Amino acid sequence: MMTDERLLELIDAYGADPMSWPEAEREAALARLKAYPARFEGALEAARQLDHAFAADTMPDAPSGLAERILADAPAQSPARGAGLGARLKTILFPNGLRWPAGATLAALMMGLMAGVATAPATADDGFQTDEEAVVYSALGYDGLEAYMQEVDG
Protein backbone atom coordinates (compact mmCIF):
# COMPACT_ATOMS: atom_id res chain seq x y z
CA MET A 1 0.00 0.00 0.00
CA MET A 2 1.40 3.37 -1.00
CA THR A 3 1.48 5.99 1.73
CA ASP A 4 1.91 9.74 1.41
CA GLU A 5 5.31 9.48 3.06
CA ARG A 6 6.53 6.83 0.62
CA LEU A 7 5.32 8.78 -2.40
CA LEU A 8 7.12 11.88 -1.12
CA GLU A 9 10.26 9.75 -0.69
CA LEU A 10 9.95 8.55 -4.29
CA ILE A 11 9.53 12.09 -5.60
CA ASP A 12 12.47 13.28 -3.50
CA ALA A 13 14.75 10.42 -4.50
CA TYR A 14 13.83 9.87 -8.16
CA GLY A 15 12.37 13.18 -9.32
CA ALA A 16 9.03 14.24 -10.76
CA ASP A 17 8.99 11.87 -13.74
CA PRO A 18 7.07 8.69 -12.78
CA MET A 19 9.13 6.70 -15.30
CA SER A 20 12.12 7.25 -13.02
CA TRP A 21 10.36 5.71 -10.03
CA PRO A 22 10.89 2.03 -9.19
CA GLU A 23 8.70 -0.09 -11.44
CA ALA A 24 7.42 -2.19 -8.55
CA GLU A 25 5.94 0.90 -6.86
CA ARG A 26 5.08 3.04 -9.87
CA GLU A 27 1.47 1.95 -10.35
CA ALA A 28 0.54 2.38 -6.69
CA ALA A 29 2.33 5.73 -6.56
CA LEU A 30 0.52 7.02 -9.63
CA ALA A 31 -2.82 5.90 -8.18
CA ARG A 32 -2.05 7.74 -4.93
CA LEU A 33 -0.95 10.83 -6.86
CA LYS A 34 -4.13 10.78 -8.95
CA ALA A 35 -6.31 10.37 -5.85
CA TYR A 36 -4.69 13.27 -3.94
CA PRO A 37 -2.93 15.60 -6.42
CA ALA A 38 -2.95 18.67 -4.18
CA ARG A 39 -0.97 16.88 -1.43
CA PHE A 40 2.02 16.35 -3.72
CA GLU A 41 2.00 19.45 -5.94
CA GLY A 42 4.67 21.29 -3.91
CA ALA A 43 7.01 18.32 -3.87
CA LEU A 44 6.45 17.68 -7.57
CA GLU A 45 7.17 21.32 -8.47
CA ALA A 46 10.41 21.31 -6.47
CA ALA A 47 11.43 18.02 -8.08
CA ARG A 48 10.62 19.38 -11.57
CA GLN A 49 12.85 22.42 -10.97
CA LEU A 50 15.67 20.17 -9.81
CA ASP A 51 15.14 17.84 -12.78
CA HIS A 52 15.36 20.81 -15.16
CA ALA A 53 18.54 22.04 -13.47
CA PHE A 54 20.14 18.63 -13.85
CA ALA A 55 19.03 18.36 -17.47
CA ALA A 56 20.44 21.81 -18.32
CA ASP A 57 23.83 21.09 -16.77
CA THR A 58 26.08 19.29 -19.20
CA MET A 59 28.90 17.04 -18.17
CA PRO A 60 32.25 18.46 -19.29
CA ASP A 61 34.42 16.34 -21.53
CA ALA A 62 37.58 14.95 -20.01
CA PRO A 63 40.76 16.57 -21.29
CA SER A 64 42.44 14.74 -24.10
CA GLY A 65 44.92 12.13 -22.89
CA LEU A 66 43.75 12.20 -19.25
CA ALA A 67 43.26 8.44 -19.03
CA GLU A 68 46.70 7.80 -20.52
CA ARG A 69 48.36 10.20 -18.04
CA ILE A 70 46.60 8.56 -15.09
CA LEU A 71 47.65 5.10 -16.20
CA ALA A 72 51.22 6.27 -16.87
CA ASP A 73 51.48 7.79 -13.37
CA ALA A 74 49.99 4.75 -11.65
CA PRO A 75 52.53 2.52 -9.93
CA ALA A 76 53.14 -0.66 -11.85
CA GLN A 77 52.94 -3.84 -9.86
CA SER A 78 54.75 -6.67 -11.47
CA PRO A 79 55.31 -10.11 -9.97
CA ALA A 80 58.84 -10.63 -8.75
CA ARG A 81 60.77 -12.78 -11.17
CA GLY A 82 62.68 -15.68 -9.77
CA ALA A 83 60.89 -15.44 -6.43
CA GLY A 84 59.73 -19.00 -6.82
CA LEU A 85 56.92 -20.86 -5.13
CA GLY A 86 56.70 -18.50 -2.14
CA ALA A 87 55.74 -15.49 -4.24
CA ARG A 88 53.24 -17.48 -6.29
CA LEU A 89 51.68 -18.93 -3.13
CA LYS A 90 51.43 -15.43 -1.63
CA THR A 91 49.71 -14.24 -4.82
CA ILE A 92 47.23 -17.12 -4.62
CA LEU A 93 46.45 -16.67 -0.92
CA PHE A 94 46.43 -12.86 -0.98
CA PRO A 95 45.40 -11.76 -4.50
CA ASN A 96 44.39 -8.30 -3.27
CA GLY A 97 47.20 -7.87 -0.80
CA LEU A 98 46.77 -8.35 2.91
CA ARG A 99 43.25 -6.93 2.81
CA TRP A 100 41.87 -10.28 1.66
CA PRO A 101 41.73 -12.71 4.61
CA ALA A 102 41.90 -15.93 2.59
CA GLY A 103 45.26 -16.88 4.08
CA ALA A 104 43.98 -16.41 7.62
CA THR A 105 40.81 -18.30 6.81
CA LEU A 106 42.78 -21.17 5.30
CA ALA A 107 45.13 -21.27 8.29
CA ALA A 108 42.20 -21.31 10.73
CA LEU A 109 40.53 -24.09 8.75
CA MET A 110 43.68 -26.19 8.73
CA MET A 111 44.26 -25.66 12.47
CA GLY A 112 40.65 -26.62 13.19
CA LEU A 113 40.87 -29.76 11.10
CA MET A 114 44.15 -30.78 12.70
CA ALA A 115 42.80 -30.13 16.20
CA GLY A 116 39.67 -32.11 15.39
CA VAL A 117 41.63 -35.08 14.09
CA ALA A 118 44.06 -34.99 16.99
CA THR A 119 41.37 -34.86 19.67
CA ALA A 120 38.70 -37.05 18.09
CA PRO A 121 38.01 -40.20 20.08
CA ALA A 122 38.57 -43.47 18.33
CA THR A 123 35.27 -44.94 17.20
CA ALA A 124 34.36 -48.38 18.33
CA ASP A 125 32.06 -50.79 16.62
CA ASP A 126 30.60 -51.98 19.91
CA GLY A 127 27.36 -49.99 19.43
CA PHE A 128 27.97 -47.72 22.41
CA GLN A 129 27.94 -43.98 22.02
CA THR A 130 30.16 -41.44 23.70
CA ASP A 131 28.84 -38.63 25.80
CA GLU A 132 29.52 -36.22 22.94
CA GLU A 133 27.49 -38.31 20.52
CA ALA A 134 24.63 -38.52 23.03
CA VAL A 135 24.59 -34.71 23.25
CA VAL A 136 24.50 -34.37 19.45
CA TYR A 137 21.67 -36.90 19.03
CA SER A 138 19.75 -35.28 21.89
CA ALA A 139 20.18 -31.82 20.29
CA LEU A 140 18.80 -33.24 17.05
CA GLY A 141 15.76 -34.58 18.89
CA TYR A 142 16.66 -38.28 19.04
CA ASP A 143 16.98 -40.55 22.06
CA GLY A 144 20.21 -41.97 20.70
CA LEU A 145 21.95 -43.59 17.78
CA GLU A 146 19.30 -46.30 17.42
CA ALA A 147 16.43 -43.80 17.10
CA TYR A 148 18.40 -41.81 14.55
CA MET A 149 19.26 -44.90 12.51
CA GLN A 150 15.62 -46.05 12.53
CA GLU A 151 14.51 -42.74 11.04
CA VAL A 152 17.32 -42.70 8.49
CA ASP A 153 16.72 -46.28 7.39
CA GLY A 154 12.96 -46.09 7.57
C-alpha atoms as a PDB file:
ATOM      1  CA  MET A   1       0.000   0.000   0.000  1.00  0.00           C
ATOM      2  CA  MET A   2       1.400   3.372  -1.004  1.00  0.00           C
ATOM      3  CA  THR A   3       1.483   5.991   1.729  1.00  0.00           C
ATOM      4  CA  ASP A   4       1.909   9.745   1.407  1.00  0.00           C
ATOM      5  CA  GLU A   5       5.307   9.482   3.064  1.00  0.00           C
ATOM      6  CA  ARG A   6       6.531   6.833   0.624  1.00  0.00           C
ATOM      7  CA  LEU A   7       5.315   8.778  -2.404  1.00  0.00           C
ATOM      8  CA  LEU A   8       7.120  11.877  -1.115  1.00  0.00           C
ATOM      9  CA  GLU A   9      10.258   9.749  -0.686  1.00  0.00           C
ATOM     10  CA  LEU A  10       9.946   8.547  -4.294  1.00  0.00           C
ATOM     11  CA  ILE A  11       9.534  12.087  -5.598  1.00  0.00           C
ATOM     12  CA  ASP A  12      12.465  13.280  -3.499  1.00  0.00           C
ATOM     13  CA  ALA A  13      14.750  10.418  -4.499  1.00  0.00           C
ATOM     14  CA  TYR A  14      13.826   9.869  -8.165  1.00  0.00           C
ATOM     15  CA  GLY A  15      12.367  13.175  -9.321  1.00  0.00           C
ATOM     16  CA  ALA A  16       9.025  14.237 -10.757  1.00  0.00           C
ATOM     17  CA  ASP A  17       8.986  11.872 -13.736  1.00  0.00           C
ATOM     18  CA  PRO A  18       7.072   8.688 -12.784  1.00  0.00           C
ATOM     19  CA  MET A  19       9.126   6.698 -15.295  1.00  0.00           C
ATOM     20  CA  SER A  20      12.123   7.253 -13.025  1.00  0.00           C
ATOM     21  CA  TRP A  21      10.361   5.710 -10.031  1.00  0.00           C
ATOM     22  CA  PRO A  22      10.888   2.029  -9.190  1.00  0.00           C
ATOM     23  CA  GLU A  23       8.704  -0.094 -11.437  1.00  0.00           C
ATOM     24  CA  ALA A  24       7.415  -2.195  -8.550  1.00  0.00           C
ATOM     25  CA  GLU A  25       5.944   0.896  -6.857  1.00  0.00           C
ATOM     26  CA  ARG A  26       5.084   3.038  -9.865  1.00  0.00           C
ATOM     27  CA  GLU A  27       1.466   1.948 -10.352  1.00  0.00           C
ATOM     28  CA  ALA A  28       0.542   2.385  -6.686  1.00  0.00           C
ATOM     29  CA  ALA A  29       2.334   5.727  -6.558  1.00  0.00           C
ATOM     30  CA  LEU A  30       0.519   7.023  -9.631  1.00  0.00           C
ATOM     31  CA  ALA A  31      -2.819   5.903  -8.180  1.00  0.00           C
ATOM     32  CA  ARG A  32      -2.051   7.742  -4.926  1.00  0.00           C
ATOM     33  CA  LEU A  33      -0.945  10.825  -6.855  1.00  0.00           C
ATOM     34  CA  LYS A  34      -4.128  10.776  -8.954  1.00  0.00           C
ATOM     35  CA  ALA A  35      -6.306  10.372  -5.855  1.00  0.00           C
ATOM     36  CA  TYR A  36      -4.690  13.271  -3.942  1.00  0.00           C
ATOM     37  CA  PRO A  37      -2.927  15.598  -6.423  1.00  0.00           C
ATOM     38  CA  ALA A  38      -2.955  18.672  -4.183  1.00  0.00           C
ATOM     39  CA  ARG A  39      -0.971  16.884  -1.433  1.00  0.00           C
ATOM     40  CA  PHE A  40       2.017  16.353  -3.716  1.00  0.00           C
ATOM     41  CA  GLU A  41       1.998  19.447  -5.938  1.00  0.00           C
ATOM     42  CA  GLY A  42       4.665  21.288  -3.912  1.00  0.00           C
ATOM     43  CA  ALA A  43       7.008  18.325  -3.870  1.00  0.00           C
ATOM     44  CA  LEU A  44       6.447  17.684  -7.575  1.00  0.00           C
ATOM     45  CA  GLU A  45       7.174  21.316  -8.469  1.00  0.00           C
ATOM     46  CA  ALA A  46      10.408  21.313  -6.469  1.00  0.00           C
ATOM     47  CA  ALA A  47      11.428  18.023  -8.081  1.00  0.00           C
ATOM     48  CA  ARG A  48      10.623  19.382 -11.573  1.00  0.00           C
ATOM     49  CA  GLN A  49      12.849  22.415 -10.968  1.00  0.00           C
ATOM     50  CA  LEU A  50      15.670  20.174  -9.814  1.00  0.00           C
ATOM     51  CA  ASP A  51      15.144  17.835 -12.780  1.00  0.00           C
ATOM     52  CA  HIS A  52      15.358  20.807 -15.163  1.00  0.00           C
ATOM     53  CA  ALA A  53      18.536  22.039 -13.473  1.00  0.00           C
ATOM     54  CA  PHE A  54      20.144  18.625 -13.847  1.00  0.00           C
ATOM     55  CA  ALA A  55      19.035  18.355 -17.471  1.00  0.00           C
ATOM     56  CA  ALA A  56      20.440  21.810 -18.318  1.00  0.00           C
ATOM     57  CA  ASP A  57      23.833  21.094 -16.772  1.00  0.00           C
ATOM     58  CA  THR A  58      26.082  19.291 -19.204  1.00  0.00           C
ATOM     59  CA  MET A  59      28.899  17.044 -18.174  1.00  0.00           C
ATOM     60  CA  PRO A  60      32.247  18.463 -19.287  1.00  0.00           C
ATOM     61  CA  ASP A  61      34.417  16.335 -21.532  1.00  0.00           C
ATOM     62  CA  ALA A  62      37.581  14.946 -20.009  1.00  0.00           C
ATOM     63  CA  PRO A  63      40.758  16.566 -21.287  1.00  0.00           C
ATOM     64  CA  SER A  64      42.441  14.739 -24.101  1.00  0.00           C
ATOM     65  CA  GLY A  65      44.915  12.125 -22.885  1.00  0.00           C
ATOM     66  CA  LEU A  66      43.749  12.202 -19.254  1.00  0.00           C
ATOM     67  CA  ALA A  67      43.263   8.438 -19.030  1.00  0.00           C
ATOM     68  CA  GLU A  68      46.703   7.795 -20.518  1.00  0.00           C
ATOM     69  CA  ARG A  69      48.359  10.199 -18.036  1.00  0.00           C
ATOM     70  CA  ILE A  70      46.598   8.564 -15.091  1.00  0.00           C
ATOM     71  CA  LEU A  71      47.652   5.102 -16.203  1.00  0.00           C
ATOM     72  CA  ALA A  72      51.225   6.272 -16.874  1.00  0.00           C
ATOM     73  CA  ASP A  73      51.478   7.793 -13.372  1.00  0.00           C
ATOM     74  CA  ALA A  74      49.991   4.751 -11.654  1.00  0.00           C
ATOM     75  CA  PRO A  75      52.534   2.521  -9.930  1.00  0.00           C
ATOM     76  CA  ALA A  76      53.144  -0.662 -11.846  1.00  0.00           C
ATOM     77  CA  GLN A  77      52.940  -3.845  -9.857  1.00  0.00           C
ATOM     78  CA  SER A  78      54.754  -6.675 -11.467  1.00  0.00           C
ATOM     79  CA  PRO A  79      55.314 -10.109  -9.968  1.00  0.00           C
ATOM     80  CA  ALA A  80      58.841 -10.627  -8.753  1.00  0.00           C
ATOM     81  CA  ARG A  81      60.765 -12.782 -11.173  1.00  0.00           C
ATOM     82  CA  GLY A  82      62.678 -15.677  -9.774  1.00  0.00           C
ATOM     83  CA  ALA A  83      60.895 -15.438  -6.433  1.00  0.00           C
ATOM     84  CA  GLY A  84      59.730 -18.997  -6.815  1.00  0.00           C
ATOM     85  CA  LEU A  85      56.915 -20.859  -5.134  1.00  0.00           C
ATOM     86  CA  GLY A  86      56.705 -18.504  -2.139  1.00  0.00           C
ATOM     87  CA  ALA A  87      55.738 -15.494  -4.239  1.00  0.00           C
ATOM     88  CA  ARG A  88      53.242 -17.483  -6.288  1.00  0.00           C
ATOM     89  CA  LEU A  89      51.679 -18.931  -3.125  1.00  0.00           C
ATOM     90  CA  LYS A  90      51.427 -15.434  -1.632  1.00  0.00           C
ATOM     91  CA  THR A  91      49.707 -14.242  -4.821  1.00  0.00           C
ATOM     92  CA  ILE A  92      47.230 -17.122  -4.624  1.00  0.00           C
ATOM     93  CA  LEU A  93      46.453 -16.665  -0.919  1.00  0.00           C
ATOM     94  CA  PHE A  94      46.432 -12.860  -0.980  1.00  0.00           C
ATOM     95  CA  PRO A  95      45.401 -11.760  -4.499  1.00  0.00           C
ATOM     96  CA  ASN A  96      44.389  -8.300  -3.271  1.00  0.00           C
ATOM     97  CA  GLY A  97      47.203  -7.875  -0.803  1.00  0.00           C
ATOM     98  CA  LEU A  98      46.769  -8.350   2.910  1.00  0.00           C
ATOM     99  CA  ARG A  99      43.249  -6.926   2.810  1.00  0.00           C
ATOM    100  CA  TRP A 100      41.870 -10.283   1.661  1.00  0.00           C
ATOM    101  CA  PRO A 101      41.727 -12.710   4.605  1.00  0.00           C
ATOM    102  CA  ALA A 102      41.904 -15.933   2.592  1.00  0.00           C
ATOM    103  CA  GLY A 103      45.255 -16.879   4.083  1.00  0.00           C
ATOM    104  CA  ALA A 104      43.981 -16.412   7.618  1.00  0.00           C
ATOM    105  CA  THR A 105      40.810 -18.302   6.809  1.00  0.00           C
ATOM    106  CA  LEU A 106      42.781 -21.165   5.298  1.00  0.00           C
ATOM    107  CA  ALA A 107      45.134 -21.267   8.291  1.00  0.00           C
ATOM    108  CA  ALA A 108      42.201 -21.312  10.733  1.00  0.00           C
ATOM    109  CA  LEU A 109      40.525 -24.087   8.749  1.00  0.00           C
ATOM    110  CA  MET A 110      43.675 -26.189   8.733  1.00  0.00           C
ATOM    111  CA  MET A 111      44.256 -25.665  12.472  1.00  0.00           C
ATOM    112  CA  GLY A 112      40.649 -26.622  13.190  1.00  0.00           C
ATOM    113  CA  LEU A 113      40.868 -29.757  11.101  1.00  0.00           C
ATOM    114  CA  MET A 114      44.154 -30.777  12.698  1.00  0.00           C
ATOM    115  CA  ALA A 115      42.804 -30.128  16.202  1.00  0.00           C
ATOM    116  CA  GLY A 116      39.675 -32.109  15.390  1.00  0.00           C
ATOM    117  CA  VAL A 117      41.626 -35.079  14.086  1.00  0.00           C
ATOM    118  CA  ALA A 118      44.064 -34.988  16.985  1.00  0.00           C
ATOM    119  CA  THR A 119      41.373 -34.864  19.670  1.00  0.00           C
ATOM    120  CA  ALA A 120      38.696 -37.052  18.086  1.00  0.00           C
ATOM    121  CA  PRO A 121      38.013 -40.202  20.080  1.00  0.00           C
ATOM    122  CA  ALA A 122      38.568 -43.469  18.335  1.00  0.00           C
ATOM    123  CA  THR A 123      35.269 -44.942  17.201  1.00  0.00           C
ATOM    124  CA  ALA A 124      34.357 -48.381  18.328  1.00  0.00           C
ATOM    125  CA  ASP A 125      32.055 -50.794  16.616  1.00  0.00           C
ATOM    126  CA  ASP A 126      30.604 -51.985  19.913  1.00  0.00           C
ATOM    127  CA  GLY A 127      27.364 -49.995  19.427  1.00  0.00           C
ATOM    128  CA  PHE A 128      27.972 -47.719  22.409  1.00  0.00           C
ATOM    129  CA  GLN A 129      27.943 -43.978  22.018  1.00  0.00           C
ATOM    130  CA  THR A 130      30.163 -41.444  23.697  1.00  0.00           C
ATOM    131  CA  ASP A 131      28.836 -38.625  25.803  1.00  0.00           C
ATOM    132  CA  GLU A 132      29.523 -36.218  22.943  1.00  0.00           C
ATOM    133  CA  GLU A 133      27.494 -38.312  20.515  1.00  0.00           C
ATOM    134  CA  ALA A 134      24.632 -38.517  23.026  1.00  0.00           C
ATOM    135  CA  VAL A 135      24.594 -34.707  23.249  1.00  0.00           C
ATOM    136  CA  VAL A 136      24.498 -34.371  19.455  1.00  0.00           C
ATOM    137  CA  TYR A 137      21.666 -36.897  19.033  1.00  0.00           C
ATOM    138  CA  SER A 138      19.753 -35.280  21.886  1.00  0.00           C
ATOM    139  CA  ALA A 139      20.182 -31.822  20.293  1.00  0.00           C
ATOM    140  CA  LEU A 140      18.800 -33.242  17.051  1.00  0.00           C
ATOM    141  CA  GLY A 141      15.763 -34.582  18.890  1.00  0.00           C
ATOM    142  CA  TYR A 142      16.665 -38.281  19.043  1.00  0.00           C
ATOM    143  CA  ASP A 143      16.981 -40.554  22.058  1.00  0.00           C
ATOM    144  CA  GLY A 144      20.211 -41.972  20.704  1.00  0.00           C
ATOM    145  CA  LEU A 145      21.946 -43.591  17.776  1.00  0.00           C
ATOM    146  CA  GLU A 146      19.298 -46.300  17.423  1.00  0.00           C
ATOM    147  CA  ALA A 147      16.431 -43.804  17.099  1.00  0.00           C
ATOM    148  CA  TYR A 148      18.404 -41.813  14.550  1.00  0.00           C
ATOM    149  CA  MET A 149      19.265 -44.896  12.510  1.00  0.00           C
ATOM    150  CA  GLN A 150      15.620 -46.049  12.525  1.00  0.00           C
ATOM    151  CA  GLU A 151      14.508 -42.744  11.037  1.00  0.00           C
ATOM    152  CA  VAL A 152      17.319 -42.696   8.485  1.00  0.00           C
ATOM    153  CA  ASP A 153      16.721 -46.282   7.387  1.00  0.00           C
ATOM    154  CA  GLY A 154      12.959 -46.094   7.572  1.00  0.00           C
END
